[in-house]
Amino acid sequence: MRTTLTLDDDIAKELKAVSRRTGKPLKVVVNETLRRGLGAGTSPSRDRPRFRVRPKACGFRAGVDVTKLNQLLDDLEIERAGVLAIRNR
C-alpha cells in the first residue's frame, strides 16, 4: 500500500541513518520500526511480576469525604484569596 507520511525531522534523520548503517532501503526500515513499535504494546511480558496496589490508611478523620478533597482545596484557596484581598485594602 502506498501512503504519504509526514515525519518529524529528527525521526526522518534517524531512520535514514539506520538505513545507511544497515544497508536496508528506507521503506524496509520504516516498516520494521513500525512493526516493533506496534508490537511493543500488545501484552505485558510474562516474566515480570504482576504489579499490585496495596491500599494504605491515610489517617483522615471520620466524616472527611476523600472524593471531595479537590473541592476542599478550592474552597481554601478562595478563602485565602479573600483574606489577602482584605489585608491589601
PDB file of N, CA and C in Angstrom:
ATOM      1  N   MET A   1       0.848  -1.174   0.000  1.00  0.00           N
ATOM      2  CA  MET A   1       0.000   0.000   0.000  1.00  0.00           C
ATOM      3  C   MET A   1       0.894   1.238   0.000  1.00  0.00           C
ATOM      4  N   ARG A   2       0.531   2.173  -0.809  1.00  0.00           N
ATOM      5  CA  ARG A   2       1.276   3.428  -0.855  1.00  0.00           C
ATOM      6  C   ARG A   2       0.556   4.450  -0.006  1.00  0.00           C
ATOM      7  N   THR A   3       1.332   5.232   0.714  1.00  0.00           N
ATOM      8  CA  THR A   3       0.772   6.311   1.513  1.00  0.00           C
ATOM      9  C   THR A   3       1.841   7.382   1.690  1.00  0.00           C
ATOM     10  N   THR A   4       1.411   8.543   2.095  1.00  0.00           N
ATOM     11  CA  THR A   4       2.339   9.635   2.343  1.00  0.00           C
ATOM     12  C   THR A   4       2.362   9.902   3.836  1.00  0.00           C
ATOM     13  N   LEU A   5       3.568   9.950   4.393  1.00  0.00           N
ATOM     14  CA  LEU A   5       3.743  10.249   5.809  1.00  0.00           C
ATOM     15  C   LEU A   5       4.515  11.540   5.958  1.00  0.00           C
ATOM     16  N   THR A   6       4.154  12.306   6.939  1.00  0.00           N
ATOM     17  CA  THR A   6       4.939  13.484   7.281  1.00  0.00           C
ATOM     18  C   THR A   6       5.675  13.152   8.565  1.00  0.00           C
ATOM     19  N   LEU A   7       6.994  13.065   8.475  1.00  0.00           N
ATOM     20  CA  LEU A   7       7.816  12.702   9.623  1.00  0.00           C
ATOM     21  C   LEU A   7       8.477  13.930  10.216  1.00  0.00           C
ATOM     22  N   ASP A   8       8.647  13.927  11.516  1.00  0.00           N
ATOM     23  CA  ASP A   8       9.427  14.982  12.153  1.00  0.00           C
ATOM     24  C   ASP A   8      10.866  14.854  11.662  1.00  0.00           C
ATOM     25  N   ASP A   9      11.559  15.978  11.605  1.00  0.00           N
ATOM     26  CA  ASP A   9      12.923  15.989  11.066  1.00  0.00           C
ATOM     27  C   ASP A   9      13.851  15.024  11.798  1.00  0.00           C
ATOM     28  N   ASP A  10      13.747  14.981  13.139  1.00  0.00           N
ATOM     29  CA  ASP A  10      14.645  14.110  13.900  1.00  0.00           C
ATOM     30  C   ASP A  10      14.372  12.631  13.627  1.00  0.00           C
ATOM     31  N   ILE A  11      13.105  12.268  13.436  1.00  0.00           N
ATOM     32  CA  ILE A  11      12.741  10.882  13.136  1.00  0.00           C
ATOM     33  C   ILE A  11      13.239  10.502  11.743  1.00  0.00           C
ATOM     34  N   ALA A  12      13.026  11.376  10.769  1.00  0.00           N
ATOM     35  CA  ALA A  12      13.482  11.097   9.407  1.00  0.00           C
ATOM     36  C   ALA A  12      14.995  10.929   9.370  1.00  0.00           C
ATOM     37  N   LYS A  13      15.693  11.777  10.110  1.00  0.00           N
ATOM     38  CA  LYS A  13      17.156  11.701  10.141  1.00  0.00           C
ATOM     39  C   LYS A  13      17.617  10.371  10.736  1.00  0.00           C
ATOM     40  N   GLU A  14      16.957   9.954  11.823  1.00  0.00           N
ATOM     41  CA  GLU A  14      17.328   8.691  12.472  1.00  0.00           C
ATOM     42  C   GLU A  14      17.015   7.490  11.582  1.00  0.00           C
ATOM     43  N   LEU A  15      15.860   7.501  10.918  1.00  0.00           N
ATOM     44  CA  LEU A  15      15.507   6.402  10.015  1.00  0.00           C
ATOM     45  C   LEU A  15      16.497   6.304   8.853  1.00  0.00           C
ATOM     46  N   LYS A  16      16.881   7.440   8.310  1.00  0.00           N
ATOM     47  CA  LYS A  16      17.855   7.441   7.213  1.00  0.00           C
ATOM     48  C   LYS A  16      19.211   6.925   7.682  1.00  0.00           C
ATOM     49  N   ALA A  17      19.587   7.278   8.906  1.00  0.00           N
ATOM     50  CA  ALA A  17      20.858   6.803   9.452  1.00  0.00           C
ATOM     51  C   ALA A  17      20.837   5.282   9.618  1.00  0.00           C
ATOM     52  N   VAL A  18      19.731   4.739  10.100  1.00  0.00           N
ATOM     53  CA  VAL A  18      19.600   3.287  10.239  1.00  0.00           C
ATOM     54  C   VAL A  18      19.654   2.642   8.862  1.00  0.00           C
ATOM     55  N   SER A  19      19.009   3.253   7.892  1.00  0.00           N
ATOM     56  CA  SER A  19      19.015   2.731   6.527  1.00  0.00           C
ATOM     57  C   SER A  19      20.441   2.668   5.971  1.00  0.00           C
ATOM     58  N   ARG A  20      21.196   3.734   6.178  1.00  0.00           N
ATOM     59  CA  ARG A  20      22.590   3.752   5.693  1.00  0.00           C
ATOM     60  C   ARG A  20      23.446   2.730   6.438  1.00  0.00           C
ATOM     61  N   ARG A  21      23.263   2.659   7.760  1.00  0.00           N
ATOM     62  CA  ARG A  21      24.070   1.777   8.591  1.00  0.00           C
ATOM     63  C   ARG A  21      23.816   0.301   8.276  1.00  0.00           C
ATOM     64  N   THR A  22      22.552  -0.049   8.034  1.00  0.00           N
ATOM     65  CA  THR A  22      22.199  -1.457   7.798  1.00  0.00           C
ATOM     66  C   THR A  22      22.223  -1.833   6.327  1.00  0.00           C
ATOM     67  N   GLY A  23      22.182  -0.831   5.461  1.00  0.00           N
ATOM     68  CA  GLY A  23      22.137  -1.114   4.026  1.00  0.00           C
ATOM     69  C   GLY A  23      20.746  -1.498   3.545  1.00  0.00           C
ATOM     70  N   LYS A  24      19.762  -1.359   4.410  1.00  0.00           N
ATOM     71  CA  LYS A  24      18.374  -1.675   4.041  1.00  0.00           C
ATOM     72  C   LYS A  24      17.714  -0.440   3.447  1.00  0.00           C
ATOM     73  N   PRO A  25      16.779  -0.642   2.527  1.00  0.00           N
ATOM     74  CA  PRO A  25      16.043   0.507   1.985  1.00  0.00           C
ATOM     75  C   PRO A  25      15.229   1.195   3.084  1.00  0.00           C
ATOM     76  N   LEU A  26      15.021   2.486   2.920  1.00  0.00           N
ATOM     77  CA  LEU A  26      14.266   3.261   3.908  1.00  0.00           C
ATOM     78  C   LEU A  26      12.888   2.646   4.142  1.00  0.00           C
ATOM     79  N   LYS A  27      12.236   2.192   3.101  1.00  0.00           N
ATOM     80  CA  LYS A  27      10.910   1.577   3.213  1.00  0.00           C
ATOM     81  C   LYS A  27      10.945   0.397   4.189  1.00  0.00           C
ATOM     82  N   VAL A  28      11.964  -0.439   4.084  1.00  0.00           N
ATOM     83  CA  VAL A  28      12.088  -1.614   4.958  1.00  0.00           C
ATOM     84  C   VAL A  28      12.330  -1.174   6.402  1.00  0.00           C
ATOM     85  N   VAL A  29      13.197  -0.181   6.591  1.00  0.00           N
ATOM     86  CA  VAL A  29      13.496   0.315   7.935  1.00  0.00           C
ATOM     87  C   VAL A  29      12.241   0.888   8.585  1.00  0.00           C
ATOM     88  N   VAL A  30      11.474   1.670   7.836  1.00  0.00           N
ATOM     89  CA  VAL A  30      10.244   2.261   8.376  1.00  0.00           C
ATOM     90  C   VAL A  30       9.258   1.156   8.755  1.00  0.00           C
ATOM     91  N   ASN A  31       9.051   0.173   7.887  1.00  0.00           N
ATOM     92  CA  ASN A  31       8.111  -0.912   8.182  1.00  0.00           C
ATOM     93  C   ASN A  31       8.548  -1.725   9.396  1.00  0.00           C
ATOM     94  N   GLU A  32       9.839  -2.057   9.492  1.00  0.00           N
ATOM     95  CA  GLU A  32      10.325  -2.821  10.646  1.00  0.00           C
ATOM     96  C   GLU A  32      10.149  -2.033  11.943  1.00  0.00           C
ATOM     97  N   THR A  33      10.451  -0.747  11.874  1.00  0.00           N
ATOM     98  CA  THR A  33      10.326   0.108  13.055  1.00  0.00           C
ATOM     99  C   THR A  33       8.871   0.203  13.504  1.00  0.00           C
ATOM    100  N   LEU A  34       7.959   0.381  12.563  1.00  0.00           N
ATOM    101  CA  LEU A  34       6.539   0.447  12.904  1.00  0.00           C
ATOM    102  C   LEU A  34       6.049  -0.880  13.475  1.00  0.00           C
ATOM    103  N   ARG A  35       6.495  -1.997  12.898  1.00  0.00           N
ATOM    104  CA  ARG A  35       6.080  -3.312  13.419  1.00  0.00           C
ATOM    105  C   ARG A  35       6.545  -3.498  14.866  1.00  0.00           C
ATOM    106  N   ARG A  36       7.801  -3.142  15.132  1.00  0.00           N
ATOM    107  CA  ARG A  36       8.315  -3.265  16.501  1.00  0.00           C
ATOM    108  C   ARG A  36       7.532  -2.374  17.453  1.00  0.00           C
ATOM    109  N   GLY A  37       7.267  -1.154  17.027  1.00  0.00           N
ATOM    110  CA  GLY A  37       6.533  -0.219  17.884  1.00  0.00           C
ATOM    111  C   GLY A  37       5.117  -0.658  18.141  1.00  0.00           C
ATOM    112  N   LEU A  38       4.443  -1.147  17.126  1.00  0.00           N
ATOM    113  CA  LEU A  38       3.063  -1.604  17.296  1.00  0.00           C
ATOM    114  C   LEU A  38       3.007  -2.877  18.133  1.00  0.00           C
ATOM    115  N   GLY A  39       3.999  -3.720  18.007  1.00  0.00           N
ATOM    116  CA  GLY A  39       4.012  -4.968  18.758  1.00  0.00           C
ATOM    117  C   GLY A  39       4.406  -4.793  20.206  1.00  0.00           C
ATOM    118  N   ALA A  40       5.038  -3.683  20.529  1.00  0.00           N
ATOM    119  CA  ALA A  40       5.536  -3.471  21.886  1.00  0.00           C
ATOM    120  C   ALA A  40       4.413  -3.318  22.903  1.00  0.00           C
ATOM    121  N   GLY A  41       3.273  -2.808  22.493  1.00  0.00           N
ATOM    122  CA  GLY A  41       2.214  -2.565  23.453  1.00  0.00           C
ATOM    123  C   GLY A  41       1.110  -3.598  23.458  1.00  0.00           C
ATOM    124  N   THR A  42       1.315  -4.745  22.839  1.00  0.00           N
ATOM    125  CA  THR A  42       0.230  -5.710  22.718  1.00  0.00           C
ATOM    126  C   THR A  42      -0.106  -6.401  24.021  1.00  0.00           C
ATOM    127  N   SER A  43       0.881  -6.900  24.745  1.00  0.00           N
ATOM    128  CA  SER A  43       0.595  -7.585  26.003  1.00  0.00           C
ATOM    129  C   SER A  43       1.801  -7.484  26.917  1.00  0.00           C
ATOM    130  N   PRO A  44       1.563  -7.524  28.218  1.00  0.00           N
ATOM    131  CA  PRO A  44       2.678  -7.426  29.149  1.00  0.00           C
ATOM    132  C   PRO A  44       3.538  -8.686  29.102  1.00  0.00           C
ATOM    133  N   SER A  45       4.780  -8.508  29.434  1.00  0.00           N
ATOM    134  CA  SER A  45       5.711  -9.623  29.453  1.00  0.00           C
ATOM    135  C   SER A  45       5.330 -10.591  30.564  1.00  0.00           C
ATOM    136  N   ARG A  46       5.424 -11.878  30.288  1.00  0.00           N
ATOM    137  CA  ARG A  46       5.060 -12.912  31.267  1.00  0.00           C
ATOM    138  C   ARG A  46       6.130 -13.085  32.346  1.00  0.00           C
ATOM    139  N   ASP A  47       7.365 -12.669  32.069  1.00  0.00           N
ATOM    140  CA  ASP A  47       8.435 -12.904  33.024  1.00  0.00           C
ATOM    141  C   ASP A  47       8.521 -11.841  34.120  1.00  0.00           C
ATOM    142  N   ARG A  48       7.714 -10.802  34.035  1.00  0.00           N
ATOM    143  CA  ARG A  48       7.713  -9.767  35.069  1.00  0.00           C
ATOM    144  C   ARG A  48       6.666 -10.087  36.129  1.00  0.00           C
ATOM    145  N   PRO A  49       6.973  -9.771  37.381  1.00  0.00           N
ATOM    146  CA  PRO A  49       5.972  -9.998  38.431  1.00  0.00           C
ATOM    147  C   PRO A  49       4.790  -9.059  38.250  1.00  0.00           C
ATOM    148  N   ARG A  50       3.636  -9.522  38.618  1.00  0.00           N
ATOM    149  CA  ARG A  50       2.423  -8.728  38.487  1.00  0.00           C
ATOM    150  C   ARG A  50       2.477  -7.533  39.443  1.00  0.00           C
ATOM    151  N   PHE A  51       2.084  -6.369  38.941  1.00  0.00           N
ATOM    152  CA  PHE A  51       2.068  -5.153  39.749  1.00  0.00           C
ATOM    153  C   PHE A  51       0.806  -5.134  40.596  1.00  0.00           C
ATOM    154  N   ARG A  52       0.959  -4.940  41.870  1.00  0.00           N
ATOM    155  CA  ARG A  52      -0.192  -4.885  42.769  1.00  0.00           C
ATOM    156  C   ARG A  52      -0.180  -3.567  43.545  1.00  0.00           C
ATOM    157  N   VAL A  53      -1.342  -3.015  43.720  1.00  0.00           N
ATOM    158  CA  VAL A  53      -1.501  -1.799  44.509  1.00  0.00           C
ATOM    159  C   VAL A  53      -1.964  -2.211  45.895  1.00  0.00           C
ATOM    160  N   ARG A  54      -1.220  -1.771  46.883  1.00  0.00           N
ATOM    161  CA  ARG A  54      -1.593  -2.093  48.263  1.00  0.00           C
ATOM    162  C   ARG A  54      -2.159  -0.827  48.919  1.00  0.00           C
ATOM    163  N   PRO A  55      -3.421  -0.859  49.297  1.00  0.00           N
ATOM    164  CA  PRO A  55      -4.007   0.326  49.917  1.00  0.00           C
ATOM    165  C   PRO A  55      -3.372   0.591  51.287  1.00  0.00           C
ATOM    166  N   LYS A  56      -3.331   1.853  51.636  1.00  0.00           N
ATOM    167  CA  LYS A  56      -2.765   2.250  52.918  1.00  0.00           C
ATOM    168  C   LYS A  56      -3.680   3.293  53.540  1.00  0.00           C
ATOM    169  N   ALA A  57      -3.927   3.143  54.808  1.00  0.00           N
ATOM    170  CA  ALA A  57      -4.777   4.101  55.515  1.00  0.00           C
ATOM    171  C   ALA A  57      -4.097   5.470  55.505  1.00  0.00           C
ATOM    172  N   CYS A  58      -4.867   6.514  55.182  1.00  0.00           N
ATOM    173  CA  CYS A  58      -4.310   7.864  55.094  1.00  0.00           C
ATOM    174  C   CYS A  58      -4.502   8.661  56.371  1.00  0.00           C
ATOM    175  N   GLY A  59      -5.262   8.133  57.293  1.00  0.00           N
ATOM    176  CA  GLY A  59      -5.432   8.819  58.555  1.00  0.00           C
ATOM    177  C   GLY A  59      -6.422   9.964  58.530  1.00  0.00           C
ATOM    178  N   PHE A  60      -7.371   9.964  57.591  1.00  0.00           N
ATOM    179  CA  PHE A  60      -8.389  11.007  57.561  1.00  0.00           C
ATOM    180  C   PHE A  60      -9.370  10.806  58.713  1.00  0.00           C
ATOM    181  N   ARG A  61      -9.840  11.896  59.223  1.00  0.00           N
ATOM    182  CA  ARG A  61     -10.819  11.824  60.315  1.00  0.00           C
ATOM    183  C   ARG A  61     -12.170  11.375  59.782  1.00  0.00           C
ATOM    184  N   ALA A  62     -12.939  10.788  60.656  1.00  0.00           N
ATOM    185  CA  ALA A  62     -14.287  10.358  60.287  1.00  0.00           C
ATOM    186  C   ALA A  62     -15.075  11.566  59.798  1.00  0.00           C
ATOM    187  N   GLY A  63     -15.817  11.382  58.720  1.00  0.00           N
ATOM    188  CA  GLY A  63     -16.626  12.454  58.168  1.00  0.00           C
ATOM    189  C   GLY A  63     -15.963  13.198  57.025  1.00  0.00           C
ATOM    190  N   VAL A  64     -14.661  12.969  56.779  1.00  0.00           N
ATOM    191  CA  VAL A  64     -13.969  13.608  55.666  1.00  0.00           C
ATOM    192  C   VAL A  64     -14.229  12.790  54.416  1.00  0.00           C
ATOM    193  N   ASP A  65     -14.834  13.423  53.420  1.00  0.00           N
ATOM    194  CA  ASP A  65     -15.117  12.742  52.157  1.00  0.00           C
ATOM    195  C   ASP A  65     -13.904  12.900  51.247  1.00  0.00           C
ATOM    196  N   VAL A  66     -13.120  11.832  51.119  1.00  0.00           N
ATOM    197  CA  VAL A  66     -11.876  11.925  50.364  1.00  0.00           C
ATOM    198  C   VAL A  66     -12.113  12.159  48.873  1.00  0.00           C
ATOM    199  N   THR A  67     -13.336  11.935  48.404  1.00  0.00           N
ATOM    200  CA  THR A  67     -13.630  12.177  46.990  1.00  0.00           C
ATOM    201  C   THR A  67     -13.827  13.666  46.709  1.00  0.00           C
ATOM    202  N   LYS A  68     -13.883  14.478  47.776  1.00  0.00           N
ATOM    203  CA  LYS A  68     -14.099  15.915  47.588  1.00  0.00           C
ATOM    204  C   LYS A  68     -12.910  16.747  48.074  1.00  0.00           C
ATOM    205  N   LEU A  69     -11.724  16.153  48.091  1.00  0.00           N
ATOM    206  CA  LEU A  69     -10.556  16.894  48.559  1.00  0.00           C
ATOM    207  C   LEU A  69     -10.203  18.044  47.623  1.00  0.00           C
ATOM    208  N   ASN A  70     -10.393  17.869  46.330  1.00  0.00           N
ATOM    209  CA  ASN A  70     -10.130  18.972  45.396  1.00  0.00           C
ATOM    210  C   ASN A  70     -11.063  20.143  45.655  1.00  0.00           C
ATOM    211  N   GLN A  71     -12.306  19.842  45.973  1.00  0.00           N
ATOM    212  CA  GLN A  71     -13.258  20.904  46.281  1.00  0.00           C
ATOM    213  C   GLN A  71     -12.830  21.636  47.548  1.00  0.00           C
ATOM    214  N   LEU A  72     -12.357  20.874  48.535  1.00  0.00           N
ATOM    215  CA  LEU A  72     -11.876  21.486  49.769  1.00  0.00           C
ATOM    216  C   LEU A  72     -10.693  22.411  49.484  1.00  0.00           C
ATOM    217  N   LEU A  73      -9.758  21.968  48.661  1.00  0.00           N
ATOM    218  CA  LEU A  73      -8.608  22.792  48.301  1.00  0.00           C
ATOM    219  C   LEU A  73      -9.051  24.078  47.602  1.00  0.00           C
ATOM    220  N   ASP A  74     -10.014  23.955  46.682  1.00  0.00           N
ATOM    221  CA  ASP A  74     -10.541  25.143  46.001  1.00  0.00           C
ATOM    222  C   ASP A  74     -11.154  26.113  47.003  1.00  0.00           C
ATOM    223  N   ASP A  75     -11.937  25.597  47.941  1.00  0.00           N
ATOM    224  CA  ASP A  75     -12.577  26.450  48.946  1.00  0.00           C
ATOM    225  C   ASP A  75     -11.528  27.162  49.801  1.00  0.00           C
ATOM    226  N   LEU A  76     -10.473  26.432  50.172  1.00  0.00           N
ATOM    227  CA  LEU A  76      -9.420  27.042  50.981  1.00  0.00           C
ATOM    228  C   LEU A  76      -8.677  28.125  50.205  1.00  0.00           C
ATOM    229  N   GLU A  77      -8.437  27.895  48.916  1.00  0.00           N
ATOM    230  CA  GLU A  77      -7.755  28.902  48.097  1.00  0.00           C
ATOM    231  C   GLU A  77      -8.606  30.160  47.935  1.00  0.00           C
ATOM    232  N   ILE A  78      -9.915  29.966  47.756  1.00  0.00           N
ATOM    233  CA  ILE A  78     -10.827  31.118  47.631  1.00  0.00           C
ATOM    234  C   ILE A  78     -10.846  31.899  48.937  1.00  0.00           C
ATOM    235  N   GLU A  79     -10.898  31.175  50.052  1.00  0.00           N
ATOM    236  CA  GLU A  79     -10.898  31.830  51.362  1.00  0.00           C
ATOM    237  C   GLU A  79      -9.602  32.609  51.569  1.00  0.00           C
ATOM    238  N   ARG A  80      -8.462  32.009  51.199  1.00  0.00           N
ATOM    239  CA  ARG A  80      -7.166  32.661  51.341  1.00  0.00           C
ATOM    240  C   ARG A  80      -7.095  33.917  50.468  1.00  0.00           C
ATOM    241  N   ALA A  81      -7.605  33.821  49.245  1.00  0.00           N
ATOM    242  CA  ALA A  81      -7.591  34.977  48.346  1.00  0.00           C
ATOM    243  C   ALA A  81      -8.439  36.108  48.925  1.00  0.00           C
ATOM    244  N   GLY A  82      -9.553  35.769  49.546  1.00  0.00           N
ATOM    245  CA  GLY A  82     -10.397  36.791  50.164  1.00  0.00           C
ATOM    246  C   GLY A  82      -9.709  37.468  51.320  1.00  0.00           C
ATOM    247  N   VAL A  83      -9.008  36.682  52.143  1.00  0.00           N
ATOM    248  CA  VAL A  83      -8.271  37.243  53.277  1.00  0.00           C
ATOM    249  C   VAL A  83      -7.154  38.150  52.778  1.00  0.00           C
ATOM    250  N   LEU A  84      -6.441  37.742  51.729  1.00  0.00           N
ATOM    251  CA  LEU A  84      -5.374  38.562  51.185  1.00  0.00           C
ATOM    252  C   LEU A  84      -5.926  39.857  50.597  1.00  0.00           C
ATOM    253  N   ALA A  85      -7.087  39.785  49.976  1.00  0.00           N
ATOM    254  CA  ALA A  85      -7.681  40.989  49.390  1.00  0.00           C
ATOM    255  C   ALA A  85      -8.065  41.978  50.478  1.00  0.00           C
ATOM    256  N   ILE A  86      -8.554  41.457  51.583  1.00  0.00           N
ATOM    257  CA  ILE A  86      -8.950  42.342  52.701  1.00  0.00           C
ATOM    258  C   ILE A  86      -7.711  42.988  53.304  1.00  0.00           C
ATOM    259  N   ARG A  87      -6.636  42.227  53.462  1.00  0.00           N
ATOM    260  CA  ARG A  87      -5.394  42.760  54.051  1.00  0.00           C
ATOM    261  C   ARG A  87      -4.765  43.842  53.162  1.00  0.00           C
ATOM    262  N   ASN A  88      -4.923  43.724  51.864  1.00  0.00           N
ATOM    263  CA  ASN A  88      -4.281  44.656  50.935  1.00  0.00           C
ATOM    264  C   ASN A  88      -5.106  45.920  50.710  1.00  0.00           C
ATOM    265  N   ARG A  89      -6.203  46.069  51.355  1.00  0.00           N
ATOM    266  CA  ARG A  89      -7.014  47.283  51.179  1.00  0.00           C
ATOM    267  C   ARG A  89      -6.410  48.468  51.839  1.00  0.00           C
TER     268      ARG A  89
END
